Amino acid sequence: MHESVGVIITNGLKEVLLIERTIFPYGFTLPAGHVDLNEPPKIAAIRELKEETGIIAGDVELITEENLVGDACRSGADIHYWHLYKYKTTKEEKIIPDAHEGKNPVWLTIDEALKNL
């Protein structure tokens, strides 16, 4: 089992930011990653947000926490305890994904995002 964080990024147009992953698991996703040993989940969320988008956030807001069984990762775990946060930004903010983890950042409406899952 791993402990993980994810961040839903929204803008003033009610769009969400997705990034195309360049490593397993492939596809479009939210900025997310594992919580480091002894790292508070909120700090991990802010770190992942910066690493995967270039956004420097002073704060993120917790939405929910839950166990997901069957959620495989490249590190070998298939159970993750997720901490999901939200962050609101502007569409004008420059999004710079980490080339080792993501590319092609896109802003989509909720309906568009659900069609890409």
C-alpha atoms as a PDB file:
ATOM      1  CA  MET A   1       0.000   0.000   0.000  1.00  0.00           C
ATOM      2  CA  HIS A   2       1.162   3.518  -0.826  1.00  0.00           C
ATOM      3  CA  GLU A   3      -0.074   6.889   0.367  1.00  0.00           C
ATOM      4  CA  SER A   4      -0.796   9.272  -2.523  1.00  0.00           C
ATOM      5  CA  VAL A   5      -2.011  12.791  -3.249  1.00  0.00           C
ATOM      6  CA  GLY A   6      -3.778  14.365  -6.194  1.00  0.00           C
ATOM      7  CA  VAL A   7      -4.755  17.953  -6.964  1.00  0.00           C
ATOM      8  CA  ILE A   8      -7.772  19.083  -8.979  1.00  0.00           C
ATOM      9  CA  ILE A   9      -6.805  22.419 -10.542  1.00  0.00           C
ATOM     10  CA  THR A  10      -9.645  24.681 -11.677  1.00  0.00           C
ATOM     11  CA  ASN A  11      -9.772  28.129 -13.246  1.00  0.00           C
ATOM     12  CA  GLY A  12     -12.319  30.932 -13.415  1.00  0.00           C
ATOM     13  CA  LEU A  13     -13.943  29.353 -16.488  1.00  0.00           C
ATOM     14  CA  LYS A  14     -14.879  26.202 -14.513  1.00  0.00           C
ATOM     15  CA  GLU A  15     -12.325  24.130 -16.392  1.00  0.00           C
ATOM     16  CA  VAL A  16      -9.950  21.522 -14.958  1.00  0.00           C
ATOM     17  CA  LEU A  17      -6.299  21.049 -15.862  1.00  0.00           C
ATOM     18  CA  LEU A  18      -5.190  17.631 -17.114  1.00  0.00           C
ATOM     19  CA  ILE A  19      -1.680  16.592 -18.083  1.00  0.00           C
ATOM     20  CA  GLU A  20      -0.776  13.708 -20.401  1.00  0.00           C
ATOM     21  CA  ARG A  21       1.478  11.294 -18.511  1.00  0.00           C
ATOM     22  CA  THR A  22       4.711  10.205 -20.193  1.00  0.00           C
ATOM     23  CA  ILE A  23       5.253   7.300 -17.767  1.00  0.00           C
ATOM     24  CA  PHE A  24       2.997   4.475 -16.506  1.00  0.00           C
ATOM     25  CA  PRO A  25       0.090   4.693 -15.976  1.00  0.00           C
ATOM     26  CA  TYR A  26      -0.352   6.527 -19.318  1.00  0.00           C
ATOM     27  CA  GLY A  27      -3.211   8.857 -20.225  1.00  0.00           C
ATOM     28  CA  PHE A  28      -4.470  12.252 -19.116  1.00  0.00           C
ATOM     29  CA  THR A  29      -4.588  12.825 -15.382  1.00  0.00           C
ATOM     30  CA  LEU A  30      -4.459  15.293 -12.541  1.00  0.00           C
ATOM     31  CA  PRO A  31      -1.126  16.180 -10.945  1.00  0.00           C
ATOM     32  CA  ALA A  32      -0.539  13.390  -8.434  1.00  0.00           C
ATOM     33  CA  GLY A  33       2.116  11.315  -6.754  1.00  0.00           C
ATOM     34  CA  HIS A  34       3.258   9.420  -3.697  1.00  0.00           C
ATOM     35  CA  VAL A  35       3.675  10.954  -0.258  1.00  0.00           C
ATOM     36  CA  ASP A  36       7.310  10.751   0.878  1.00  0.00           C
ATOM     37  CA  LEU A  37       8.193   9.098   4.207  1.00  0.00           C
ATOM     38  CA  ASN A  38       7.196  11.389   7.137  1.00  0.00           C
ATOM     39  CA  GLU A  39       5.857  14.022   4.700  1.00  0.00           C
ATOM     40  CA  PRO A  40       2.475  15.570   5.537  1.00  0.00           C
ATOM     41  CA  PRO A  41      -0.014  14.898   2.691  1.00  0.00           C
ATOM     42  CA  LYS A  42      -0.780  18.608   2.208  1.00  0.00           C
ATOM     43  CA  ILE A  43       2.925  19.356   1.715  1.00  0.00           C
ATOM     44  CA  ALA A  44       3.153  16.449  -0.742  1.00  0.00           C
ATOM     45  CA  ALA A  45       0.203  17.876  -2.720  1.00  0.00           C
ATOM     46  CA  ILE A  46       1.853  21.307  -2.946  1.00  0.00           C
ATOM     47  CA  ARG A  47       5.151  19.642  -3.964  1.00  0.00           C
ATOM     48  CA  GLU A  48       3.487  17.498  -6.667  1.00  0.00           C
ATOM     49  CA  LEU A  49       1.603  20.534  -7.969  1.00  0.00           C
ATOM     50  CA  LYS A  50       4.898  22.413  -8.422  1.00  0.00           C
ATOM     51  CA  GLU A  51       6.779  19.415  -9.845  1.00  0.00           C
ATOM     52  CA  GLU A  52       4.115  18.505 -12.396  1.00  0.00           C
ATOM     53  CA  THR A  53       2.764  21.923 -13.421  1.00  0.00           C
ATOM     54  CA  GLY A  54       5.235  24.576 -12.293  1.00  0.00           C
ATOM     55  CA  ILE A  55       2.480  26.151 -10.163  1.00  0.00           C
ATOM     56  CA  ILE A  56       3.737  27.405  -6.801  1.00  0.00           C
ATOM     57  CA  ALA A  57       0.759  27.212  -4.453  1.00  0.00           C
ATOM     58  CA  GLY A  58       0.722  28.657  -0.964  1.00  0.00           C
ATOM     59  CA  ASP A  59      -2.156  26.399  -0.005  1.00  0.00           C
ATOM     60  CA  VAL A  60      -4.458  23.647  -1.291  1.00  0.00           C
ATOM     61  CA  GLU A  61      -7.824  22.564   0.118  1.00  0.00           C
ATOM     62  CA  LEU A  62      -8.553  18.950   1.102  1.00  0.00           C
ATOM     63  CA  ILE A  63     -11.635  17.493  -0.623  1.00  0.00           C
ATOM     64  CA  THR A  64     -11.589  13.842   0.447  1.00  0.00           C
ATOM     65  CA  GLU A  65      -9.449  10.912   1.616  1.00  0.00           C
ATOM     66  CA  GLU A  66     -10.057   7.239   0.844  1.00  0.00           C
ATOM     67  CA  ASN A  67      -8.513   3.843   0.123  1.00  0.00           C
ATOM     68  CA  LEU A  68      -8.537   2.656  -3.491  1.00  0.00           C
ATOM     69  CA  VAL A  69      -7.996  -1.070  -4.050  1.00  0.00           C
ATOM     70  CA  GLY A  70      -6.806  -2.150  -7.509  1.00  0.00           C
ATOM     71  CA  ASP A  71      -5.054   1.179  -8.133  1.00  0.00           C
ATOM     72  CA  ALA A  72      -1.767  -0.153  -9.566  1.00  0.00           C
ATOM     73  CA  CYS A  73       1.364   1.967  -9.820  1.00  0.00           C
ATOM     74  CA  ARG A  74       4.807   1.500 -11.321  1.00  0.00           C
ATOM     75  CA  SER A  75       6.274   1.031  -7.812  1.00  0.00           C
ATOM     76  CA  GLY A  76       4.329  -2.188  -7.320  1.00  0.00           C
ATOM     77  CA  ALA A  77       1.468  -1.234  -5.003  1.00  0.00           C
ATOM     78  CA  ASP A  78      -2.140  -1.940  -5.968  1.00  0.00           C
ATOM     79  CA  ILE A  79      -3.709  -0.212  -2.955  1.00  0.00           C
ATOM     80  CA  HIS A  80      -3.367   3.535  -2.409  1.00  0.00           C
ATOM     81  CA  TYR A  81      -4.657   5.726   0.376  1.00  0.00           C
ATOM     82  CA  TRP A  82      -5.539   8.918  -1.533  1.00  0.00           C
ATOM     83  CA  HIS A  83      -5.682  12.490  -0.284  1.00  0.00           C
ATOM     84  CA  LEU A  84      -7.469  14.607  -2.921  1.00  0.00           C
ATOM     85  CA  TYR A  85      -7.043  18.378  -2.861  1.00  0.00           C
ATOM     86  CA  LYS A  86      -8.266  21.300  -4.951  1.00  0.00           C
ATOM     87  CA  TYR A  87      -6.553  24.472  -6.114  1.00  0.00           C
ATOM     88  CA  LYS A  88      -7.984  27.382  -8.115  1.00  0.00           C
ATOM     89  CA  THR A  89      -5.778  29.292 -10.543  1.00  0.00           C
ATOM     90  CA  THR A  90      -6.181  31.441 -13.623  1.00  0.00           C
ATOM     91  CA  LYS A  91      -6.074  30.192 -17.181  1.00  0.00           C
ATOM     92  CA  GLU A  92      -3.355  32.754 -17.867  1.00  0.00           C
ATOM     93  CA  GLU A  93      -0.931  31.125 -15.413  1.00  0.00           C
ATOM     94  CA  LYS A  94       1.890  29.406 -17.307  1.00  0.00           C
ATOM     95  CA  ILE A  95       1.704  25.621 -16.941  1.00  0.00           C
ATOM     96  CA  ILE A  96       5.097  23.928 -17.282  1.00  0.00           C
ATOM     97  CA  PRO A  97       4.853  20.147 -16.788  1.00  0.00           C
ATOM     98  CA  ASP A  98       7.904  18.146 -15.729  1.00  0.00           C
ATOM     99  CA  ALA A  99       9.058  16.554 -19.015  1.00  0.00           C
ATOM    100  CA  HIS A 100       9.858  13.287 -17.203  1.00  0.00           C
ATOM    101  CA  GLU A 101       6.268  12.868 -16.017  1.00  0.00           C
ATOM    102  CA  GLY A 102       3.950  14.841 -18.251  1.00  0.00           C
ATOM    103  CA  LYS A 103       3.285  16.825 -21.402  1.00  0.00           C
ATOM    104  CA  ASN A 104       0.436  18.540 -23.243  1.00  0.00           C
ATOM    105  CA  PRO A 105      -1.366  20.342 -20.397  1.00  0.00           C
ATOM    106  CA  VAL A 106      -4.982  21.037 -21.379  1.00  0.00           C
ATOM    107  CA  TRP A 107      -7.852  22.946 -19.790  1.00  0.00           C
ATOM    108  CA  LEU A 108     -11.143  21.065 -20.207  1.00  0.00           C
ATOM    109  CA  THR A 109     -14.699  21.481 -18.982  1.00  0.00           C
ATOM    110  CA  ILE A 110     -15.866  18.745 -16.611  1.00  0.00           C
ATOM    111  CA  ASP A 111     -17.838  17.098 -19.454  1.00  0.00           C
ATOM    112  CA  GLU A 112     -14.794  17.187 -21.743  1.00  0.00           C
ATOM    113  CA  ALA A 113     -12.564  15.797 -18.998  1.00  0.00           C
ATOM    114  CA  LEU A 114     -14.949  12.901 -18.306  1.00  0.00           C
ATOM    115  CA  LYS A 115     -14.926  11.981 -22.004  1.00  0.00           C
ATOM    116  CA  ASN A 116     -11.099  11.710 -21.860  1.00  0.00           C
ATOM    117  CA  LEU A 117     -11.044   9.216 -18.977  1.00  0.00           C
END
